[in-house]
Structures are given as structure tokens and as C-alpha cells.
């Protein structure tokens, strides 16, 4: 870099980054102030939570079924070992 470029750039990297983040925060604040946007975010969050809970329920149901099969004397896995 030449001396001209160093002197013409009054902002350090940290100052430049901070200015960019301040601008981003201001833009996000304007966007998020919309009630419709907040409702959309809230609705998406609830749907995502519901899907996660359904996935956990599915895993728990499978585990409970395996326990019930073992208690009832249902089919058990048998491992065949070949002896020479």
C-alpha cells in the first residue's frame, strides 16, 4: 500500500467494522419494528418447536415399544456366530 492510501483512510478496521454493525443494527431495528414481521417470526418459531417436539415423541414412542416387546417376551434379536 502506498502512503497516500494509508493517509486517505481515516477509519481503522475496528472503526469501520463498528460503523457497519451500527448500520446493520439500525436496519434490522427498522425491519423488526413491523408487527407483521414479529408475528411471522413468532409463528415460525412455534412451528419449529412443534416439529422438534414431534421428533422427540417419535423417538420416545419407539423406545417404549422396544421395552414393551422385551417385557412381553416378543421377538428378540439373535446373533448367529459361526464356529469353525
PDB file of N, CA and C in Angstrom:
ATOM      1  N   UNK A   1       0.836  -1.181   0.000  1.00  0.00           N
ATOM      2  CA  UNK A   1       0.000   0.000   0.000  1.00  0.00           C
ATOM      3  C   UNK A   1       0.877   1.241   0.000  1.00  0.00           C
ATOM      4  N   UNK A   2       0.453   2.235  -0.698  1.00  0.00           N
ATOM      5  CA  UNK A   2       1.235   3.465  -0.718  1.00  0.00           C
ATOM      6  C   UNK A   2       0.853   4.340   0.463  1.00  0.00           C
ATOM      7  N   UNK A   3       1.676   5.342   0.734  1.00  0.00           N
ATOM      8  CA  UNK A   3       1.416   6.261   1.846  1.00  0.00           C
ATOM      9  C   UNK A   3       0.126   7.039   1.627  1.00  0.00           C
ATOM     10  N   UNK A   4      -0.232   7.317   0.373  1.00  0.00           N
ATOM     11  CA  UNK A   4      -1.457   8.072   0.085  1.00  0.00           C
ATOM     12  C   UNK A   4      -2.687   7.308   0.557  1.00  0.00           C
ATOM     13  N   UNK A   5      -2.751   6.019   0.278  1.00  0.00           N
ATOM     14  CA  UNK A   5      -3.896   5.202   0.670  1.00  0.00           C
ATOM     15  C   UNK A   5      -4.017   5.105   2.188  1.00  0.00           C
ATOM     16  N   UNK A   6      -2.890   4.990   2.870  1.00  0.00           N
ATOM     17  CA  UNK A   6      -2.929   4.891   4.324  1.00  0.00           C
ATOM     18  C   UNK A   6      -3.465   6.180   4.942  1.00  0.00           C
ATOM     19  N   UNK A   7      -3.080   7.310   4.427  1.00  0.00           N
ATOM     20  CA  UNK A   7      -3.495   8.586   4.987  1.00  0.00           C
ATOM     21  C   UNK A   7      -4.920   8.945   4.586  1.00  0.00           C
ATOM     22  N   UNK A   8      -5.403   8.507   3.426  1.00  0.00           N
ATOM     23  CA  UNK A   8      -6.740   8.872   2.977  1.00  0.00           C
ATOM     24  C   UNK A   8      -7.831   8.051   3.665  1.00  0.00           C
ATOM     25  N   UNK A   9      -7.475   6.965   4.338  1.00  0.00           N
ATOM     26  CA  UNK A   9      -8.435   6.130   5.037  1.00  0.00           C
ATOM     27  C   UNK A   9      -8.418   6.489   6.527  1.00  0.00           C
ATOM     28  N   UNK A  10      -9.331   7.374   6.972  1.00  0.00           N
ATOM     29  CA  UNK A  10      -9.295   7.813   8.368  1.00  0.00           C
ATOM     30  C   UNK A  10      -9.801   6.766   9.355  1.00  0.00           C
ATOM     31  N   UNK A  11     -10.572   5.769   8.905  1.00  0.00           N
ATOM     32  CA  UNK A  11     -11.134   4.764   9.803  1.00  0.00           C
ATOM     33  C   UNK A  11     -10.202   3.568   9.943  1.00  0.00           C
ATOM     34  N   UNK A  12     -10.009   3.128  11.156  1.00  0.00           N
ATOM     35  CA  UNK A  12      -9.274   1.889  11.370  1.00  0.00           C
ATOM     36  C   UNK A  12     -10.224   0.731  11.051  1.00  0.00           C
ATOM     37  N   UNK A  13      -9.682  -0.472  11.026  1.00  0.00           N
ATOM     38  CA  UNK A  13     -10.525  -1.624  10.738  1.00  0.00           C
ATOM     39  C   UNK A  13     -11.618  -1.753  11.783  1.00  0.00           C
ATOM     40  N   UNK A  14     -11.290  -1.550  13.050  1.00  0.00           N
ATOM     41  CA  UNK A  14     -12.277  -1.659  14.128  1.00  0.00           C
ATOM     42  C   UNK A  14     -13.376  -0.613  13.982  1.00  0.00           C
ATOM     43  N   UNK A  15     -12.982   0.624  13.637  1.00  0.00           N
ATOM     44  CA  UNK A  15     -13.973   1.687  13.454  1.00  0.00           C
ATOM     45  C   UNK A  15     -14.886   1.373  12.264  1.00  0.00           C
ATOM     46  N   UNK A  16     -14.280   0.893  11.197  1.00  0.00           N
ATOM     47  CA  UNK A  16     -15.055   0.542  10.005  1.00  0.00           C
ATOM     48  C   UNK A  16     -16.051  -0.583  10.329  1.00  0.00           C
ATOM     49  N   UNK A  17     -15.599  -1.599  11.054  1.00  0.00           N
ATOM     50  CA  UNK A  17     -16.453  -2.718  11.438  1.00  0.00           C
ATOM     51  C   UNK A  17     -17.590  -2.240  12.341  1.00  0.00           C
ATOM     52  N   UNK A  18     -17.269  -1.399  13.317  1.00  0.00           N
ATOM     53  CA  UNK A  18     -18.285  -0.874  14.234  1.00  0.00           C
ATOM     54  C   UNK A  18     -19.323  -0.064  13.474  1.00  0.00           C
ATOM     55  N   UNK A  19     -18.889   0.766  12.537  1.00  0.00           N
ATOM     56  CA  UNK A  19     -19.832   1.566  11.752  1.00  0.00           C
ATOM     57  C   UNK A  19     -20.749   0.651  10.940  1.00  0.00           C
ATOM     58  N   UNK A  20     -20.201  -0.410  10.373  1.00  0.00           N
ATOM     59  CA  UNK A  20     -21.010  -1.352   9.611  1.00  0.00           C
ATOM     60  C   UNK A  20     -22.030  -2.067  10.485  1.00  0.00           C
ATOM     61  N   UNK A  21     -21.607  -2.480  11.664  1.00  0.00           N
ATOM     62  CA  UNK A  21     -22.524  -3.161  12.578  1.00  0.00           C
ATOM     63  C   UNK A  21     -23.613  -2.216  13.081  1.00  0.00           C
ATOM     64  N   UNK A  22     -23.264  -0.962  13.344  1.00  0.00           N
ATOM     65  CA  UNK A  22     -24.273   0.010  13.767  1.00  0.00           C
ATOM     66  C   UNK A  22     -25.319   0.206  12.675  1.00  0.00           C
ATOM     67  N   UNK A  23     -24.862   0.274  11.429  1.00  0.00           N
ATOM     68  CA  UNK A  23     -25.796   0.414  10.311  1.00  0.00           C
ATOM     69  C   UNK A  23     -26.684  -0.810  10.166  1.00  0.00           C
ATOM     70  N   UNK A  24     -26.112  -1.983  10.339  1.00  0.00           N
ATOM     71  CA  UNK A  24     -26.886  -3.222  10.241  1.00  0.00           C
ATOM     72  C   UNK A  24     -27.928  -3.289  11.351  1.00  0.00           C
ATOM     73  N   UNK A  25     -27.523  -2.931  12.578  1.00  0.00           N
ATOM     74  CA  UNK A  25     -28.472  -2.944  13.697  1.00  0.00           C
ATOM     75  C   UNK A  25     -29.629  -1.979  13.445  1.00  0.00           C
ATOM     76  N   UNK A  26     -29.325  -0.792  12.930  1.00  0.00           N
ATOM     77  CA  UNK A  26     -30.380   0.191  12.653  1.00  0.00           C
ATOM     78  C   UNK A  26     -31.341  -0.329  11.592  1.00  0.00           C
ATOM     79  N   UNK A  27     -30.790  -0.968  10.564  1.00  0.00           N
ATOM     80  CA  UNK A  27     -31.640  -1.513   9.504  1.00  0.00           C
ATOM     81  C   UNK A  27     -32.505  -2.653  10.031  1.00  0.00           C
ATOM     82  N   UNK A  28     -31.927  -3.522  10.860  1.00  0.00           N
ATOM     83  CA  UNK A  28     -32.694  -4.628  11.426  1.00  0.00           C
ATOM     84  C   UNK A  28     -33.783  -4.108  12.361  1.00  0.00           C
ATOM     85  N   UNK A  29     -33.465  -3.059  13.126  1.00  0.00           N
ATOM     86  CA  UNK A  29     -34.445  -2.485  14.034  1.00  0.00           C
ATOM     87  C   UNK A  29     -35.650  -1.964  13.249  1.00  0.00           C
ATOM     88  N   UNK A  30     -35.397  -1.299  12.127  1.00  0.00           N
ATOM     89  CA  UNK A  30     -36.490  -0.784  11.296  1.00  0.00           C
ATOM     90  C   UNK A  30     -37.322  -1.933  10.745  1.00  0.00           C
ATOM     91  N   UNK A  31     -36.657  -2.992  10.309  1.00  0.00           N
ATOM     92  CA  UNK A  31     -37.365  -4.135   9.741  1.00  0.00           C
ATOM     93  C   UNK A  31     -38.174  -4.860  10.803  1.00  0.00           C
ATOM     94  N   UNK A  32     -37.586  -5.053  11.979  1.00  0.00           N
ATOM     95  CA  UNK A  32     -38.242  -5.829  13.022  1.00  0.00           C
ATOM     96  C   UNK A  32     -39.344  -5.053  13.739  1.00  0.00           C
ATOM     97  N   UNK A  33     -39.416  -3.738  13.539  1.00  0.00           N
ATOM     98  CA  UNK A  33     -40.462  -2.970  14.188  1.00  0.00           C
ATOM     99  C   UNK A  33     -41.834  -3.273  13.605  1.00  0.00           C
ATOM    100  N   UNK A  34     -41.847  -3.840  12.428  1.00  0.00           N
ATOM    101  CA  UNK A  34     -43.115  -4.189  11.800  1.00  0.00           C
ATOM    102  C   UNK A  34     -43.785  -5.310  12.593  1.00  0.00           C
ATOM    103  N   UNK A  35     -45.020  -5.118  12.989  1.00  0.00           N
ATOM    104  CA  UNK A  35     -45.744  -6.130  13.768  1.00  0.00           C
ATOM    105  C   UNK A  35     -45.926  -7.404  12.942  1.00  0.00           C
ATOM    106  N   UNK A  36     -46.121  -7.251  11.659  1.00  0.00           N
ATOM    107  CA  UNK A  36     -46.292  -8.426  10.789  1.00  0.00           C
ATOM    108  C   UNK A  36     -45.033  -9.285  10.792  1.00  0.00           C
ATOM    109  N   UNK A  37     -43.874  -8.649  10.765  1.00  0.00           N
ATOM    110  CA  UNK A  37     -42.613  -9.393  10.791  1.00  0.00           C
ATOM    111  C   UNK A  37     -42.472 -10.140  12.109  1.00  0.00           C
ATOM    112  N   UNK A  38     -42.786  -9.478  13.208  1.00  0.00           N
ATOM    113  CA  UNK A  38     -42.689 -10.146  14.512  1.00  0.00           C
ATOM    114  C   UNK A  38     -43.642 -11.330  14.599  1.00  0.00           C
ATOM    115  N   UNK A  39     -44.848 -11.176  14.082  1.00  0.00           N
ATOM    116  CA  UNK A  39     -45.808 -12.280  14.099  1.00  0.00           C
ATOM    117  C   UNK A  39     -45.321 -13.445  13.248  1.00  0.00           C
ATOM    118  N   UNK A  40     -44.707 -13.135  12.118  1.00  0.00           N
ATOM    119  CA  UNK A  40     -44.177 -14.186  11.244  1.00  0.00           C
ATOM    120  C   UNK A  40     -43.054 -14.937  11.946  1.00  0.00           C
ATOM    121  N   UNK A  41     -42.159 -14.208  12.608  1.00  0.00           N
ATOM    122  CA  UNK A  41     -41.053 -14.840  13.330  1.00  0.00           C
ATOM    123  C   UNK A  41     -41.600 -15.717  14.457  1.00  0.00           C
ATOM    124  N   UNK A  42     -42.581 -15.207  15.181  1.00  0.00           N
ATOM    125  CA  UNK A  42     -43.172 -15.955  16.286  1.00  0.00           C
ATOM    126  C   UNK A  42     -43.853 -17.234  15.769  1.00  0.00           C
ATOM    127  N   UNK A  43     -44.590 -17.104  14.661  1.00  0.00           N
ATOM    128  CA  UNK A  43     -45.289 -18.260  14.093  1.00  0.00           C
ATOM    129  C   UNK A  43     -44.283 -19.321  13.630  1.00  0.00           C
ATOM    130  N   UNK A  44     -43.205 -18.884  12.999  1.00  0.00           N
ATOM    131  CA  UNK A  44     -42.179 -19.820  12.537  1.00  0.00           C
ATOM    132  C   UNK A  44     -41.522 -20.515  13.734  1.00  0.00           C
ATOM    133  N   UNK A  45     -41.252 -19.769  14.798  1.00  0.00           N
ATOM    134  CA  UNK A  45     -40.646 -20.355  15.995  1.00  0.00           C
ATOM    135  C   UNK A  45     -41.531 -21.410  16.622  1.00  0.00           C
ATOM    136  N   UNK A  46     -42.834 -21.143  16.683  1.00  0.00           N
ATOM    137  CA  UNK A  46     -43.765 -22.128  17.246  1.00  0.00           C
ATOM    138  C   UNK A  46     -43.816 -23.387  16.386  1.00  0.00           C
ATOM    139  N   UNK A  47     -43.829 -23.199  15.059  1.00  0.00           N
ATOM    140  CA  UNK A  47     -43.870 -24.357  14.161  1.00  0.00           C
ATOM    141  C   UNK A  47     -42.596 -25.194  14.292  1.00  0.00           C
ATOM    142  N   UNK A  48     -41.450 -24.531  14.412  1.00  0.00           N
ATOM    143  CA  UNK A  48     -40.186 -25.255  14.566  1.00  0.00           C
ATOM    144  C   UNK A  48     -40.157 -26.024  15.881  1.00  0.00           C
ATOM    145  N   UNK A  49     -40.642 -25.407  16.949  1.00  0.00           N
ATOM    146  CA  UNK A  49     -40.698 -26.085  18.245  1.00  0.00           C
ATOM    147  C   UNK A  49     -41.620 -27.301  18.186  1.00  0.00           C
ATOM    148  N   UNK A  50     -42.762 -27.145  17.508  1.00  0.00           N
ATOM    149  CA  UNK A  50     -43.704 -28.260  17.380  1.00  0.00           C
ATOM    150  C   UNK A  50     -43.042 -29.431  16.652  1.00  0.00           C
ATOM    151  N   UNK A  51     -42.328 -29.146  15.558  1.00  0.00           N
ATOM    152  CA  UNK A  51     -41.656 -30.206  14.810  1.00  0.00           C
ATOM    153  C   UNK A  51     -40.605 -30.906  15.664  1.00  0.00           C
ATOM    154  N   UNK A  52     -39.869 -30.139  16.458  1.00  0.00           N
ATOM    155  CA  UNK A  52     -38.854 -30.739  17.327  1.00  0.00           C
ATOM    156  C   UNK A  52     -39.501 -31.638  18.376  1.00  0.00           C
ATOM    157  N   UNK A  53     -40.598 -31.188  18.947  1.00  0.00           N
ATOM    158  CA  UNK A  53     -41.291 -32.000  19.956  1.00  0.00           C
ATOM    159  C   UNK A  53     -41.885 -33.265  19.341  1.00  0.00           C
ATOM    160  N   UNK A  54     -42.402 -33.167  18.121  1.00  0.00           N
ATOM    161  CA  UNK A  54     -42.931 -34.362  17.441  1.00  0.00           C
ATOM    162  C   UNK A  54     -41.808 -35.371  17.174  1.00  0.00           C
ATOM    163  N   UNK A  55     -40.632 -34.869  16.820  1.00  0.00           N
ATOM    164  CA  UNK A  55     -39.493 -35.764  16.584  1.00  0.00           C
ATOM    165  C   UNK A  55     -39.108 -36.485  17.883  1.00  0.00           C
ATOM    166  N   UNK A  56     -39.064 -35.752  18.998  1.00  0.00           N
ATOM    167  CA  UNK A  56     -38.752 -36.379  20.287  1.00  0.00           C
ATOM    168  C   UNK A  56     -39.814 -37.407  20.657  1.00  0.00           C
ATOM    169  N   UNK A  57     -41.092 -37.077  20.408  1.00  0.00           N
ATOM    170  CA  UNK A  57     -42.164 -38.018  20.732  1.00  0.00           C
ATOM    171  C   UNK A  57     -42.009 -39.302  19.936  1.00  0.00           C
ATOM    172  N   UNK A  58     -41.632 -39.176  18.675  1.00  0.00           N
ATOM    173  CA  UNK A  58     -41.428 -40.346  17.837  1.00  0.00           C
ATOM    174  C   UNK A  58     -40.298 -41.229  18.392  1.00  0.00           C
ATOM    175  N   UNK A  59     -39.202 -40.596  18.803  1.00  0.00           N
ATOM    176  CA  UNK A  59     -38.090 -41.364  19.384  1.00  0.00           C
ATOM    177  C   UNK A  59     -38.504 -42.057  20.678  1.00  0.00           C
ATOM    178  N   UNK A  60     -39.231 -41.340  21.526  1.00  0.00           N
ATOM    179  CA  UNK A  60     -39.678 -41.930  22.787  1.00  0.00           C
ATOM    180  C   UNK A  60     -40.668 -43.071  22.560  1.00  0.00           C
ATOM    181  N   UNK A  61     -41.588 -42.896  21.600  1.00  0.00           N
ATOM    182  CA  UNK A  61     -42.539 -43.962  21.292  1.00  0.00           C
ATOM    183  C   UNK A  61     -41.821 -45.229  20.843  1.00  0.00           C
ATOM    184  N   UNK A  62     -40.807 -45.077  20.007  1.00  0.00           N
ATOM    185  CA  UNK A  62     -40.028 -46.234  19.553  1.00  0.00           C
ATOM    186  C   UNK A  62     -39.318 -46.929  20.699  1.00  0.00           C
ATOM    187  N   UNK A  63     -38.746 -46.153  21.603  1.00  0.00           N
ATOM    188  CA  UNK A  63     -38.050 -46.732  22.755  1.00  0.00           C
ATOM    189  C   UNK A  63     -39.029 -47.461  23.668  1.00  0.00           C
ATOM    190  N   UNK A  64     -40.206 -46.895  23.876  1.00  0.00           N
ATOM    191  CA  UNK A  64     -41.221 -47.533  24.725  1.00  0.00           C
ATOM    192  C   UNK A  64     -41.701 -48.837  24.091  1.00  0.00           C
ATOM    193  N   UNK A  65     -41.881 -48.851  22.784  1.00  0.00           N
ATOM    194  CA  UNK A  65     -42.306 -50.079  22.098  1.00  0.00           C
ATOM    195  C   UNK A  65     -41.271 -51.180  22.269  1.00  0.00           C
ATOM    196  N   UNK A  66     -39.992 -50.843  22.167  1.00  0.00           N
ATOM    197  CA  UNK A  66     -38.946 -51.852  22.343  1.00  0.00           C
ATOM    198  C   UNK A  66     -38.971 -52.419  23.758  1.00  0.00           C
ATOM    199  N   UNK A  67     -39.159 -51.552  24.736  1.00  0.00           N
ATOM    200  CA  UNK A  67     -39.224 -52.011  26.130  1.00  0.00           C
ATOM    201  C   UNK A  67     -40.418 -52.937  26.320  1.00  0.00           C
ATOM    202  N   UNK A  68     -41.574 -52.563  25.755  1.00  0.00           N
ATOM    203  CA  UNK A  68     -42.777 -53.391  25.877  1.00  0.00           C
ATOM    204  C   UNK A  68     -42.589 -54.744  25.210  1.00  0.00           C
ATOM    205  N   UNK A  69     -41.931 -54.783  24.043  1.00  0.00           N
ATOM    206  CA  UNK A  69     -41.691 -56.054  23.350  1.00  0.00           C
ATOM    207  C   UNK A  69     -40.813 -56.968  24.200  1.00  0.00           C
ATOM    208  N   UNK A  70     -39.789 -56.394  24.817  1.00  0.00           N
ATOM    209  CA  UNK A  70     -38.887 -57.194  25.653  1.00  0.00           C
ATOM    210  C   UNK A  70     -39.603 -57.728  26.888  1.00  0.00           C
ATOM    211  N   UNK A  71     -40.499 -56.948  27.467  1.00  0.00           N
ATOM    212  CA  UNK A  71     -41.232 -57.382  28.655  1.00  0.00           C
ATOM    213  C   UNK A  71     -42.242 -58.476  28.312  1.00  0.00           C
ATOM    214  N   UNK A  72     -42.836 -58.417  27.128  1.00  0.00           N
ATOM    215  CA  UNK A  72     -43.844 -59.398  26.728  1.00  0.00           C
ATOM    216  C   UNK A  72     -43.211 -60.679  26.203  1.00  0.00           C
ATOM    217  N   UNK A  73     -41.919 -60.696  26.052  1.00  0.00           N
ATOM    218  CA  UNK A  73     -41.264 -61.888  25.531  1.00  0.00           C
ATOM    219  C   UNK A  73     -41.403 -61.959  24.019  1.00  0.00           C
ATOM    220  N   UNK A  74     -41.534 -60.843  23.406  1.00  0.00           N
ATOM    221  CA  UNK A  74     -41.668 -60.770  21.955  1.00  0.00           C
ATOM    222  C   UNK A  74     -40.377 -61.168  21.266  1.00  0.00           C
ATOM    223  N   UNK A  75     -40.333 -60.989  19.975  1.00  0.00           N
ATOM    224  CA  UNK A  75     -39.143 -61.392  19.222  1.00  0.00           C
ATOM    225  C   UNK A  75     -37.899 -60.665  19.717  1.00  0.00           C
ATOM    226  N   UNK A  76     -36.857 -61.475  19.911  1.00  0.00           N
ATOM    227  CA  UNK A  76     -35.591 -60.910  20.353  1.00  0.00           C
ATOM    228  C   UNK A  76     -34.563 -61.112  19.260  1.00  0.00           C
ATOM    229  N   UNK A  77     -33.626 -60.238  19.212  1.00  0.00           N
ATOM    230  CA  UNK A  77     -32.579 -60.366  18.207  1.00  0.00           C
ATOM    231  C   UNK A  77     -31.637 -61.497  18.603  1.00  0.00           C
ATOM    232  N   UNK A  78     -31.342 -62.314  17.629  1.00  0.00           N
ATOM    233  CA  UNK A  78     -30.442 -63.443  17.856  1.00  0.00           C
ATOM    234  C   UNK A  78     -29.239 -63.241  16.966  1.00  0.00           C
ATOM    235  N   UNK A  79     -28.067 -63.384  17.538  1.00  0.00           N
ATOM    236  CA  UNK A  79     -26.840 -63.256  16.778  1.00  0.00           C
ATOM    237  C   UNK A  79     -26.268 -64.648  16.543  1.00  0.00           C
ATOM    238  N   UNK A  80     -26.105 -64.987  15.289  1.00  0.00           N
ATOM    239  CA  UNK A  80     -25.517 -66.283  14.956  1.00  0.00           C
ATOM    240  C   UNK A  80     -24.017 -66.126  14.814  1.00  0.00           C
ATOM    241  N   UNK A  81     -23.290 -66.977  15.511  1.00  0.00           N
ATOM    242  CA  UNK A  81     -21.852 -66.940  15.454  1.00  0.00           C
ATOM    243  C   UNK A  81     -21.372 -68.231  14.813  1.00  0.00           C
ATOM    244  N   UNK A  82     -20.633 -68.098  13.767  1.00  0.00           N
ATOM    245  CA  UNK A  82     -20.114 -69.253  13.051  1.00  0.00           C
ATOM    246  C   UNK A  82     -18.861 -69.757  13.760  1.00  0.00           C
ATOM    247  N   UNK A  83     -18.897 -71.018  14.150  1.00  0.00           N
ATOM    248  CA  UNK A  83     -17.760 -71.626  14.851  1.00  0.00           C
ATOM    249  C   UNK A  83     -17.056 -72.575  13.902  1.00  0.00           C
ATOM    250  N   UNK A  84     -15.775 -72.438  13.825  1.00  0.00           N
ATOM    251  CA  UNK A  84     -15.003 -73.308  12.918  1.00  0.00           C
ATOM    252  C   UNK A  84     -14.364 -74.448  13.653  1.00  0.00           C
TER     253      UNK A  84
END
